[in-house]
Amino acid sequence: MFAKAILLSALAATGLVQASPLKDLNEKRTCGTVALPNGLFQLSQADPNNSPPNTAPGGTVTISQGANGQNSKIELVRFAPLDATAYGCQLQITMPSVPDFSTSGGAPTLSIFKVKQPVSGSPTYANTQLESGLYGSITLQAGQSATINTEGCRGGTGQGLAYVFKYTDWNTAASSVTWKQGTNVAAPVGVFLTHNC
């Protein structure tokens, strides 16, 4: 009787394993598509109504603040809308090596916030509205690669994804971090998005 129960349990488990969708799930986790920003805007606290030029693609990104966190310059990073089949978006960053990466002052620890949609075609410090809550944080280093966070892609909605990078509130020292944003999708440098992950 006991042997029969074990045999039935083993057969049932075999059926469950064969029906398991894990292989399909694992295949979808392979990131296959990279999107570079179509908008890079340095927004200035000291000039809140000024809409700066878009330096994407490529360009130099500089995030800075004066003493006590005053006169901050933050970076708005915007991505074009993705199609309806896009899923599993990951905000990633790969910093270049020196001299294309530099920092001064306090530790380059940045807070990242999502931007409410729709994003203005002429973004300013004053008209850029952040979603509530911190999206991610990172302390940058030359040559570093990291995933900041993962989310749904809003694919097929006609709205892209957008983020603001700024110094963390606890860093009150005059500080600056600068990097050269890359333009090669095959070897992305700077901030980029992967999807179908």
N, C-alpha and C. Protein backbone atom coordinates (compact mmCIF):
# COMPACT_ATOMS: atom_id res chain seq x y z
N MET A 1 0.82 -1.19 0.00
CA MET A 1 0.00 0.00 0.00
C MET A 1 0.87 1.26 0.00
N PHE A 2 1.89 1.27 0.85
CA PHE A 2 2.79 2.41 0.95
C PHE A 2 3.55 2.62 -0.36
N ALA A 3 4.03 1.54 -0.98
CA ALA A 3 4.76 1.63 -2.26
C ALA A 3 3.85 2.17 -3.35
N LYS A 4 2.58 1.79 -3.33
CA LYS A 4 1.62 2.27 -4.33
C LYS A 4 1.42 3.79 -4.18
N ALA A 5 1.34 4.28 -2.96
CA ALA A 5 1.16 5.72 -2.70
C ALA A 5 2.38 6.50 -3.19
N ILE A 6 3.58 5.95 -2.97
CA ILE A 6 4.80 6.61 -3.44
C ILE A 6 4.82 6.66 -4.96
N LEU A 7 4.45 5.56 -5.61
CA LEU A 7 4.43 5.51 -7.07
C LEU A 7 3.43 6.52 -7.63
N LEU A 8 2.25 6.62 -7.05
CA LEU A 8 1.25 7.59 -7.51
C LEU A 8 1.74 9.03 -7.31
N SER A 9 2.40 9.28 -6.18
CA SER A 9 2.95 10.62 -5.92
C SER A 9 4.03 10.97 -6.94
N ALA A 10 4.89 10.01 -7.26
CA ALA A 10 5.96 10.25 -8.23
C ALA A 10 5.38 10.53 -9.61
N LEU A 11 4.37 9.78 -10.02
CA LEU A 11 3.74 10.01 -11.32
C LEU A 11 3.06 11.37 -11.37
N ALA A 12 2.40 11.76 -10.30
CA ALA A 12 1.73 13.07 -10.26
C ALA A 12 2.76 14.19 -10.35
N ALA A 13 3.87 14.04 -9.63
CA ALA A 13 4.92 15.07 -9.66
C ALA A 13 5.52 15.18 -11.05
N THR A 14 5.71 14.05 -11.73
CA THR A 14 6.24 14.08 -13.09
C THR A 14 5.32 14.86 -14.01
N GLY A 15 4.03 14.67 -13.87
CA GLY A 15 3.06 15.41 -14.68
C GLY A 15 3.13 16.90 -14.41
N LEU A 16 3.32 17.28 -13.15
CA LEU A 16 3.41 18.70 -12.80
C LEU A 16 4.68 19.32 -13.36
N VAL A 17 5.77 18.60 -13.29
CA VAL A 17 7.03 19.13 -13.80
C VAL A 17 6.95 19.33 -15.30
N GLN A 18 6.34 18.39 -16.01
CA GLN A 18 6.23 18.52 -17.45
C GLN A 18 5.35 19.69 -17.85
N ALA A 19 4.38 20.05 -17.03
CA ALA A 19 3.48 21.15 -17.35
C ALA A 19 4.03 22.51 -16.89
N SER A 20 5.14 22.49 -16.19
CA SER A 20 5.70 23.73 -15.64
C SER A 20 6.14 24.69 -16.74
N PRO A 21 5.76 25.97 -16.64
CA PRO A 21 6.12 26.94 -17.68
C PRO A 21 7.47 27.61 -17.44
N LEU A 22 8.28 27.10 -16.53
CA LEU A 22 9.53 27.78 -16.19
C LEU A 22 10.44 28.02 -17.38
N LYS A 23 10.52 27.06 -18.30
CA LYS A 23 11.39 27.25 -19.46
C LYS A 23 10.96 28.49 -20.24
N ASP A 24 9.66 28.65 -20.49
CA ASP A 24 9.17 29.81 -21.22
C ASP A 24 9.45 31.10 -20.47
N LEU A 25 9.26 31.09 -19.15
CA LEU A 25 9.53 32.29 -18.36
C LEU A 25 11.00 32.67 -18.43
N ASN A 26 11.87 31.69 -18.33
CA ASN A 26 13.30 31.97 -18.39
C ASN A 26 13.72 32.52 -19.74
N GLU A 27 13.12 32.03 -20.81
CA GLU A 27 13.46 32.55 -22.13
C GLU A 27 13.09 34.02 -22.27
N LYS A 28 11.97 34.44 -21.69
CA LYS A 28 11.54 35.83 -21.76
C LYS A 28 12.44 36.75 -20.94
N ARG A 29 13.21 36.21 -20.02
CA ARG A 29 14.06 37.03 -19.18
C ARG A 29 15.35 37.43 -19.88
N THR A 30 15.59 36.95 -21.07
CA THR A 30 16.76 37.35 -21.83
C THR A 30 16.47 38.71 -22.45
N CYS A 31 17.24 39.71 -22.03
CA CYS A 31 17.01 41.07 -22.56
C CYS A 31 17.54 41.14 -23.97
N GLY A 32 16.68 41.56 -24.91
CA GLY A 32 17.10 41.57 -26.28
C GLY A 32 17.11 42.92 -26.95
N THR A 33 16.49 43.93 -26.36
CA THR A 33 16.37 45.21 -27.04
C THR A 33 16.84 46.34 -26.14
N VAL A 34 17.69 47.20 -26.69
CA VAL A 34 18.21 48.36 -25.96
C VAL A 34 17.60 49.62 -26.57
N ALA A 35 17.16 50.53 -25.72
CA ALA A 35 16.67 51.83 -26.17
C ALA A 35 17.51 52.92 -25.52
N LEU A 36 18.04 53.80 -26.35
CA LEU A 36 18.80 54.94 -25.84
C LEU A 36 17.84 56.12 -25.66
N PRO A 37 18.16 57.06 -24.77
CA PRO A 37 17.27 58.20 -24.57
C PRO A 37 17.11 59.03 -25.84
N ASN A 38 15.89 59.51 -26.05
CA ASN A 38 15.68 60.47 -27.14
C ASN A 38 15.58 61.89 -26.58
N GLY A 39 15.74 62.01 -25.27
CA GLY A 39 15.72 63.31 -24.62
C GLY A 39 16.66 63.35 -23.43
N LEU A 40 17.59 64.30 -23.44
CA LEU A 40 18.48 64.57 -22.31
C LEU A 40 18.42 66.08 -22.06
N PHE A 41 17.86 66.47 -20.91
CA PHE A 41 17.66 67.88 -20.62
C PHE A 41 18.24 68.20 -19.25
N GLN A 42 19.13 69.19 -19.17
CA GLN A 42 19.65 69.64 -17.88
C GLN A 42 18.75 70.77 -17.38
N LEU A 43 17.98 70.49 -16.34
CA LEU A 43 17.02 71.45 -15.80
C LEU A 43 17.64 72.17 -14.61
N SER A 44 17.47 73.49 -14.56
CA SER A 44 18.15 74.32 -13.56
C SER A 44 17.18 74.90 -12.54
N GLN A 45 17.48 74.66 -11.27
CA GLN A 45 16.69 75.24 -10.19
C GLN A 45 16.80 76.76 -10.20
N ALA A 46 17.96 77.30 -10.57
CA ALA A 46 18.17 78.75 -10.58
C ALA A 46 17.44 79.43 -11.74
N ASP A 47 17.10 78.68 -12.77
CA ASP A 47 16.39 79.22 -13.94
C ASP A 47 15.22 78.28 -14.26
N PRO A 48 14.21 78.24 -13.36
CA PRO A 48 13.20 77.18 -13.41
C PRO A 48 12.28 77.19 -14.62
N ASN A 49 12.17 78.31 -15.32
CA ASN A 49 11.27 78.38 -16.47
C ASN A 49 11.99 78.26 -17.81
N ASN A 50 13.28 78.04 -17.77
CA ASN A 50 14.07 77.90 -18.99
C ASN A 50 13.99 76.46 -19.49
N SER A 51 13.68 76.29 -20.78
CA SER A 51 13.69 74.97 -21.39
C SER A 51 15.02 74.80 -22.12
N PRO A 52 15.91 73.96 -21.59
CA PRO A 52 17.24 73.81 -22.18
C PRO A 52 17.19 73.00 -23.47
N PRO A 53 18.26 73.06 -24.26
CA PRO A 53 18.30 72.24 -25.47
C PRO A 53 18.40 70.75 -25.14
N ASN A 54 17.88 69.94 -26.03
CA ASN A 54 17.98 68.49 -25.92
C ASN A 54 19.35 68.08 -26.44
N THR A 55 20.15 67.42 -25.60
CA THR A 55 21.49 67.01 -26.02
C THR A 55 21.54 65.56 -26.52
N ALA A 56 20.38 64.88 -26.57
CA ALA A 56 20.36 63.50 -27.09
C ALA A 56 20.30 63.54 -28.61
N PRO A 57 20.82 62.54 -29.31
CA PRO A 57 21.55 61.40 -28.75
C PRO A 57 22.97 61.80 -28.38
N GLY A 58 23.55 61.04 -27.52
CA GLY A 58 24.90 61.38 -27.06
C GLY A 58 24.86 62.59 -26.17
N GLY A 59 25.89 63.38 -26.22
CA GLY A 59 25.94 64.58 -25.39
C GLY A 59 26.56 64.30 -24.05
N THR A 60 26.79 65.37 -23.31
CA THR A 60 27.38 65.28 -21.98
C THR A 60 26.30 65.53 -20.95
N VAL A 61 26.24 64.68 -19.95
CA VAL A 61 25.29 64.83 -18.85
C VAL A 61 26.05 65.36 -17.65
N THR A 62 25.56 66.45 -17.05
CA THR A 62 26.15 66.99 -15.82
C THR A 62 25.03 67.21 -14.82
N ILE A 63 25.19 66.63 -13.65
CA ILE A 63 24.26 66.80 -12.54
C ILE A 63 25.06 67.46 -11.43
N SER A 64 24.54 68.56 -10.88
CA SER A 64 25.33 69.29 -9.90
C SER A 64 24.44 70.00 -8.89
N GLN A 65 25.09 70.47 -7.84
CA GLN A 65 24.41 71.31 -6.85
C GLN A 65 25.46 72.14 -6.14
N GLY A 66 25.02 73.30 -5.63
CA GLY A 66 25.89 74.15 -4.83
C GLY A 66 25.85 73.73 -3.37
N ALA A 67 26.51 74.52 -2.53
CA ALA A 67 26.52 74.24 -1.09
C ALA A 67 25.10 74.20 -0.55
N ASN A 68 24.86 73.32 0.41
CA ASN A 68 23.54 73.12 1.02
C ASN A 68 22.48 72.68 0.01
N GLY A 69 22.92 72.08 -1.09
CA GLY A 69 21.99 71.55 -2.09
C GLY A 69 21.29 72.60 -2.92
N GLN A 70 21.77 73.84 -2.87
CA GLN A 70 21.13 74.94 -3.60
C GLN A 70 21.59 74.96 -5.06
N ASN A 71 20.82 75.67 -5.89
CA ASN A 71 21.15 75.85 -7.30
C ASN A 71 21.43 74.53 -8.01
N SER A 72 20.57 73.57 -7.76
CA SER A 72 20.80 72.24 -8.35
C SER A 72 20.50 72.24 -9.84
N LYS A 73 21.24 71.40 -10.53
CA LYS A 73 20.99 71.10 -11.94
C LYS A 73 20.73 69.60 -12.01
N ILE A 74 19.53 69.26 -12.46
CA ILE A 74 19.11 67.87 -12.51
C ILE A 74 19.00 67.45 -13.97
N GLU A 75 18.98 66.15 -14.21
CA GLU A 75 18.91 65.66 -15.59
C GLU A 75 17.59 64.92 -15.81
N LEU A 76 16.84 65.39 -16.81
CA LEU A 76 15.64 64.70 -17.26
C LEU A 76 16.04 63.79 -18.41
N VAL A 77 15.79 62.49 -18.25
CA VAL A 77 16.13 61.49 -19.26
C VAL A 77 14.81 60.92 -19.78
N ARG A 78 14.56 61.09 -21.09
CA ARG A 78 13.29 60.68 -21.68
C ARG A 78 13.53 59.61 -22.75
N PHE A 79 12.64 58.61 -22.78
CA PHE A 79 12.69 57.55 -23.78
C PHE A 79 11.43 57.59 -24.64
N ALA A 80 11.59 57.30 -25.92
CA ALA A 80 10.46 57.29 -26.86
C ALA A 80 9.47 56.19 -26.48
N PRO A 81 8.20 56.34 -26.87
CA PRO A 81 7.21 55.29 -26.62
C PRO A 81 7.63 53.98 -27.28
N LEU A 82 7.30 52.88 -26.62
CA LEU A 82 7.59 51.54 -27.14
C LEU A 82 6.32 50.93 -27.70
N ASP A 83 6.47 49.92 -28.56
CA ASP A 83 5.28 49.30 -29.14
C ASP A 83 4.59 48.39 -28.13
N ALA A 84 3.41 47.93 -28.48
CA ALA A 84 2.55 47.19 -27.56
C ALA A 84 3.14 45.85 -27.12
N THR A 85 4.10 45.32 -27.86
CA THR A 85 4.67 44.02 -27.50
C THR A 85 5.81 44.14 -26.49
N ALA A 86 6.24 45.35 -26.17
CA ALA A 86 7.36 45.54 -25.24
C ALA A 86 6.94 45.19 -23.81
N TYR A 87 7.82 44.51 -23.10
CA TYR A 87 7.55 44.16 -21.70
C TYR A 87 8.86 44.15 -20.93
N GLY A 88 8.76 44.19 -19.61
CA GLY A 88 9.92 44.05 -18.74
C GLY A 88 10.99 45.11 -18.94
N CYS A 89 10.63 46.38 -18.83
CA CYS A 89 11.62 47.45 -19.02
C CYS A 89 12.54 47.56 -17.80
N GLN A 90 13.83 47.69 -18.08
CA GLN A 90 14.83 47.88 -17.04
C GLN A 90 15.60 49.16 -17.32
N LEU A 91 15.63 50.06 -16.33
CA LEU A 91 16.45 51.26 -16.43
C LEU A 91 17.85 50.87 -15.98
N GLN A 92 18.81 51.06 -16.88
CA GLN A 92 20.18 50.63 -16.60
C GLN A 92 21.15 51.78 -16.81
N ILE A 93 22.34 51.59 -16.27
CA ILE A 93 23.38 52.61 -16.42
C ILE A 93 24.72 51.92 -16.53
N THR A 94 25.53 52.38 -17.46
CA THR A 94 26.92 51.93 -17.59
C THR A 94 27.77 53.19 -17.71
N MET A 95 28.60 53.42 -16.73
CA MET A 95 29.42 54.62 -16.74
C MET A 95 30.68 54.40 -17.56
N PRO A 96 31.07 55.42 -18.31
CA PRO A 96 32.33 55.33 -19.06
C PRO A 96 33.52 55.42 -18.12
N SER A 97 34.69 55.20 -18.65
CA SER A 97 35.93 55.36 -17.89
C SER A 97 36.36 56.82 -17.93
N VAL A 98 37.29 57.17 -17.05
CA VAL A 98 37.91 58.49 -17.08
C VAL A 98 38.65 58.60 -18.40
N PRO A 99 38.63 59.67 -19.15
CA PRO A 99 38.18 61.02 -18.80
C PRO A 99 36.73 61.30 -19.15
N ASP A 100 35.98 60.31 -19.67
CA ASP A 100 34.58 60.55 -20.03
C ASP A 100 33.65 60.49 -18.82
N PHE A 101 34.21 60.30 -17.64
CA PHE A 101 33.47 60.32 -16.37
C PHE A 101 34.28 61.11 -15.37
N SER A 102 33.65 62.05 -14.69
CA SER A 102 34.35 62.82 -13.65
C SER A 102 33.38 63.21 -12.55
N THR A 103 33.92 63.45 -11.38
CA THR A 103 33.11 63.84 -10.23
C THR A 103 33.91 64.76 -9.33
N SER A 104 33.22 65.62 -8.60
CA SER A 104 33.88 66.50 -7.63
C SER A 104 32.94 66.72 -6.46
N GLY A 105 33.50 67.10 -5.32
CA GLY A 105 32.69 67.37 -4.13
C GLY A 105 32.27 66.09 -3.44
N GLY A 106 31.01 66.05 -2.99
CA GLY A 106 30.49 64.90 -2.26
C GLY A 106 30.34 63.67 -3.14
N ALA A 107 30.04 62.55 -2.49
CA ALA A 107 29.86 61.29 -3.21
C ALA A 107 28.77 61.44 -4.27
N PRO A 108 28.99 60.91 -5.48
CA PRO A 108 27.99 61.03 -6.55
C PRO A 108 26.85 60.03 -6.37
N THR A 109 26.15 60.17 -5.24
CA THR A 109 24.98 59.32 -4.98
C THR A 109 23.75 60.05 -5.48
N LEU A 110 23.09 59.45 -6.45
CA LEU A 110 21.95 60.08 -7.10
C LEU A 110 20.65 59.39 -6.73
N SER A 111 19.59 60.18 -6.63
CA SER A 111 18.23 59.67 -6.49
C SER A 111 17.57 59.75 -7.85
N ILE A 112 16.80 58.72 -8.18
CA ILE A 112 16.11 58.68 -9.47
C ILE A 112 14.61 58.64 -9.21
N PHE A 113 13.88 59.51 -9.91
CA PHE A 113 12.43 59.60 -9.80
C PHE A 113 11.80 59.42 -11.17
N LYS A 114 10.64 58.79 -11.21
CA LYS A 114 9.87 58.72 -12.46
C LYS A 114 9.17 60.06 -12.66
N VAL A 115 9.00 60.44 -13.92
CA VAL A 115 8.33 61.68 -14.27
C VAL A 115 6.90 61.36 -14.69
N LYS A 116 5.95 62.16 -14.20
CA LYS A 116 4.55 61.98 -14.58
C LYS A 116 4.38 62.25 -16.07
N GLN A 117 3.46 61.51 -16.67
CA GLN A 117 3.14 61.66 -18.09
C GLN A 117 1.94 62.58 -18.26
N PRO A 118 1.80 63.29 -19.33
CA PRO A 118 2.79 63.38 -20.41
C PRO A 118 3.90 64.35 -20.05
N VAL A 119 5.08 64.11 -20.61
CA VAL A 119 6.23 64.99 -20.40
C VAL A 119 6.12 66.13 -21.40
N SER A 120 6.35 67.34 -20.94
CA SER A 120 6.28 68.50 -21.82
C SER A 120 7.28 68.38 -22.96
N GLY A 121 6.90 68.87 -24.13
CA GLY A 121 7.83 68.93 -25.26
C GLY A 121 8.94 69.93 -25.03
N SER A 122 8.71 70.87 -24.12
CA SER A 122 9.72 71.87 -23.73
C SER A 122 9.86 71.82 -22.21
N PRO A 123 10.52 70.78 -21.69
CA PRO A 123 10.56 70.61 -20.24
C PRO A 123 11.39 71.69 -19.54
N THR A 124 10.93 72.07 -18.35
CA THR A 124 11.65 73.00 -17.49
C THR A 124 11.70 72.41 -16.09
N TYR A 125 12.49 73.03 -15.24
CA TYR A 125 12.54 72.63 -13.83
C TYR A 125 11.15 72.79 -13.21
N ALA A 126 10.46 73.87 -13.58
CA ALA A 126 9.15 74.18 -12.98
C ALA A 126 8.03 73.28 -13.48
N ASN A 127 8.05 72.85 -14.74
CA ASN A 127 6.91 72.09 -15.26
C ASN A 127 7.12 70.57 -15.28
N THR A 128 8.24 70.11 -14.74
CA THR A 128 8.49 68.67 -14.68
C THR A 128 7.96 68.14 -13.36
N GLN A 129 6.93 67.31 -13.42
CA GLN A 129 6.30 66.77 -12.22
C GLN A 129 6.75 65.33 -11.99
N LEU A 130 7.19 65.07 -10.77
CA LEU A 130 7.68 63.74 -10.41
C LEU A 130 6.57 62.91 -9.80
N GLU A 131 6.60 61.60 -10.09
CA GLU A 131 5.69 60.69 -9.41
C GLU A 131 6.15 60.56 -7.96
N SER A 132 5.23 60.21 -7.07
CA SER A 132 5.60 60.11 -5.66
C SER A 132 6.48 58.89 -5.44
N GLY A 133 7.38 59.01 -4.51
CA GLY A 133 8.25 57.91 -4.14
C GLY A 133 9.52 57.83 -4.96
N LEU A 134 10.55 57.35 -4.33
CA LEU A 134 11.85 57.18 -4.95
C LEU A 134 11.81 55.96 -5.87
N TYR A 135 12.29 56.10 -7.11
CA TYR A 135 12.32 54.99 -8.05
C TYR A 135 13.59 54.16 -7.87
N GLY A 136 14.69 54.82 -7.54
CA GLY A 136 15.95 54.12 -7.33
C GLY A 136 17.02 55.08 -6.88
N SER A 137 18.17 54.53 -6.50
CA SER A 137 19.32 55.36 -6.16
C SER A 137 20.58 54.60 -6.53
N ILE A 138 21.63 55.36 -6.77
CA ILE A 138 22.90 54.74 -7.19
C ILE A 138 24.05 55.68 -6.87
N THR A 139 25.16 55.11 -6.44
CA THR A 139 26.40 55.87 -6.27
C THR A 139 27.28 55.53 -7.47
N LEU A 140 27.53 56.52 -8.30
CA LEU A 140 28.22 56.29 -9.57
C LEU A 140 29.72 56.14 -9.40
N GLN A 141 30.31 55.30 -10.26
CA GLN A 141 31.75 55.10 -10.34
C GLN A 141 32.12 54.90 -11.80
N ALA A 142 33.32 55.28 -12.16
CA ALA A 142 33.80 55.07 -13.53
C ALA A 142 33.79 53.58 -13.84
N GLY A 143 33.29 53.21 -15.02
CA GLY A 143 33.30 51.83 -15.47
C GLY A 143 32.21 50.95 -14.89
N GLN A 144 31.35 51.48 -14.07
CA GLN A 144 30.31 50.72 -13.37
C GLN A 144 29.12 50.42 -14.28
N SER A 145 28.52 49.24 -14.09
CA SER A 145 27.26 48.88 -14.75
C SER A 145 26.27 48.41 -13.70
N ALA A 146 25.01 48.86 -13.81
CA ALA A 146 24.01 48.48 -12.82
C ALA A 146 22.61 48.61 -13.41
N THR A 147 21.69 47.81 -12.89
CA THR A 147 20.27 47.96 -13.17
C THR A 147 19.67 48.77 -12.03
N ILE A 148 19.01 49.87 -12.36
CA ILE A 148 18.44 50.74 -11.33
C ILE A 148 17.10 50.22 -10.86
N ASN A 149 16.23 49.81 -11.79
CA ASN A 149 14.93 49.28 -11.41
C ASN A 149 14.27 48.67 -12.65
N THR A 150 13.20 47.90 -12.41
CA THR A 150 12.46 47.23 -13.48
C THR A 150 10.98 47.59 -13.35
N GLU A 151 10.30 47.73 -14.48
CA GLU A 151 8.88 48.09 -14.47
C GLU A 151 8.21 47.67 -15.76
N GLY A 152 6.90 47.87 -15.83
CA GLY A 152 6.18 47.68 -17.08
C GLY A 152 6.57 48.76 -18.07
N CYS A 153 6.42 48.49 -19.34
CA CYS A 153 6.96 49.39 -20.38
C CYS A 153 5.99 50.45 -20.90
N ARG A 154 4.71 50.38 -20.53
CA ARG A 154 3.70 51.28 -21.11
C ARG A 154 3.64 51.13 -22.63
N GLY A 155 4.02 49.96 -23.11
CA GLY A 155 4.04 49.73 -24.55
C GLY A 155 2.67 49.90 -25.18
N GLY A 156 2.64 50.56 -26.32
CA GLY A 156 1.41 50.75 -27.06
C GLY A 156 0.54 51.88 -26.56
N THR A 157 0.96 52.60 -25.50
CA THR A 157 0.14 53.69 -24.96
C THR A 157 0.45 55.03 -25.62
N GLY A 158 1.54 55.09 -26.37
CA GLY A 158 1.95 56.35 -26.96
C GLY A 158 2.74 57.22 -26.00
N GLN A 159 2.93 56.73 -24.77
CA GLN A 159 3.72 57.47 -23.79
C GLN A 159 5.01 56.72 -23.51
N GLY A 160 6.11 57.44 -23.54
CA GLY A 160 7.39 56.84 -23.22
C GLY A 160 7.61 56.82 -21.71
N LEU A 161 8.81 56.52 -21.33
CA LEU A 161 9.22 56.55 -19.93
C LEU A 161 10.19 57.71 -19.76
N ALA A 162 10.13 58.35 -18.59
CA ALA A 162 11.02 59.48 -18.32
C ALA A 162 11.40 59.47 -16.85
N TYR A 163 12.62 59.93 -16.58
CA TYR A 163 13.18 59.89 -15.23
C TYR A 163 13.97 61.17 -14.97
N VAL A 164 14.04 61.55 -13.69
CA VAL A 164 14.90 62.64 -13.26
C VAL A 164 15.99 62.07 -12.37
N PHE A 165 17.23 62.47 -12.65
CA PHE A 165 18.39 62.11 -11.85
C PHE A 165 18.84 63.36 -11.10
N LYS A 166 19.02 63.25 -9.79
CA LYS A 166 19.46 64.38 -8.98
C LYS A 166 20.27 63.87 -7.79
N TYR A 167 21.03 64.77 -7.16
CA TYR A 167 21.75 64.38 -5.95
C TYR A 167 20.77 64.04 -4.84
N THR A 168 21.15 63.09 -4.00
CA THR A 168 20.31 62.71 -2.86
C THR A 168 20.16 63.89 -1.91
N ASP A 169 19.07 63.92 -1.19
CA ASP A 169 18.80 65.03 -0.27
C ASP A 169 19.81 65.10 0.87
N TRP A 170 20.36 63.95 1.29
CA TRP A 170 21.29 63.98 2.43
C TRP A 170 22.65 64.54 2.06
N ASN A 171 22.97 64.62 0.78
CA ASN A 171 24.24 65.21 0.35
C ASN A 171 24.03 66.71 0.19
N THR A 172 24.60 67.48 1.11
CA THR A 172 24.44 68.93 1.05
C THR A 172 25.71 69.63 0.58
N ALA A 173 26.75 68.87 0.24
CA ALA A 173 28.01 69.46 -0.22
C ALA A 173 27.88 69.91 -1.67
N ALA A 174 28.63 70.94 -2.02
CA ALA A 174 28.72 71.33 -3.44
C ALA A 174 29.31 70.14 -4.19
N SER A 175 28.61 69.65 -5.19
CA SER A 175 28.99 68.41 -5.86
C SER A 175 28.63 68.44 -7.33
N SER A 176 29.36 67.64 -8.10
CA SER A 176 29.09 67.55 -9.53
C SER A 176 29.53 66.19 -10.05
N VAL A 177 28.75 65.64 -10.98
CA VAL A 177 29.15 64.42 -11.69
C VAL A 177 28.82 64.63 -13.17
N THR A 178 29.75 64.21 -14.02
CA THR A 178 29.61 64.41 -15.46
C THR A 178 30.00 63.13 -16.18
N TRP A 179 29.24 62.80 -17.22
CA TRP A 179 29.64 61.68 -18.08
C TRP A 179 29.23 61.95 -19.51
N LYS A 180 29.92 61.28 -20.42
CA LYS A 180 29.61 61.35 -21.85
C LYS A 180 28.65 60.22 -22.17
N GLN A 181 27.47 60.57 -22.67
CA GLN A 181 26.44 59.59 -23.02
C GLN A 181 26.78 59.00 -24.38
N GLY A 182 26.74 57.67 -24.49
CA GLY A 182 27.07 57.01 -25.75
C GLY A 182 25.91 56.97 -26.73
N THR A 183 26.22 56.58 -27.97
CA THR A 183 25.20 56.49 -29.03
C THR A 183 25.16 55.11 -29.69
N ASN A 184 25.92 54.15 -29.17
CA ASN A 184 26.01 52.82 -29.77
C ASN A 184 25.07 51.86 -29.03
N VAL A 185 24.00 51.43 -29.69
CA VAL A 185 23.03 50.52 -29.08
C VAL A 185 23.68 49.18 -28.74
N ALA A 186 24.66 48.75 -29.52
CA ALA A 186 25.31 47.46 -29.29
C ALA A 186 26.18 47.47 -28.03
N ALA A 187 26.67 48.63 -27.64
CA ALA A 187 27.50 48.76 -26.44
C ALA A 187 27.12 50.07 -25.73
N PRO A 188 25.93 50.10 -25.09
CA PRO A 188 25.44 51.36 -24.54
C PRO A 188 26.29 51.89 -23.39
N VAL A 189 26.46 53.21 -23.38
CA VAL A 189 27.20 53.90 -22.32
C VAL A 189 26.32 55.03 -21.82
N GLY A 190 26.26 55.17 -20.50
CA GLY A 190 25.40 56.17 -19.87
C GLY A 190 24.10 55.52 -19.43
N VAL A 191 23.01 56.27 -19.50
CA VAL A 191 21.69 55.76 -19.11
C VAL A 191 21.02 55.16 -20.34
N PHE A 192 20.41 53.98 -20.16
CA PHE A 192 19.68 53.34 -21.26
C PHE A 192 18.59 52.45 -20.69
N LEU A 193 17.73 51.99 -21.56
CA LEU A 193 16.61 51.14 -21.20
C LEU A 193 16.75 49.82 -21.95
N THR A 194 16.50 48.71 -21.27
CA THR A 194 16.37 47.44 -21.97
C THR A 194 14.93 46.97 -21.79
N HIS A 195 14.42 46.27 -22.78
CA HIS A 195 13.08 45.72 -22.63
C HIS A 195 13.02 44.35 -23.29
N ASN A 196 11.87 43.70 -23.09
CA ASN A 196 11.69 42.29 -23.42
C ASN A 196 12.62 41.45 -22.56
N CYS A 197 12.62 41.80 -21.28
CA CYS A 197 13.48 41.13 -20.29
C CYS A 197 12.65 40.20 -19.43
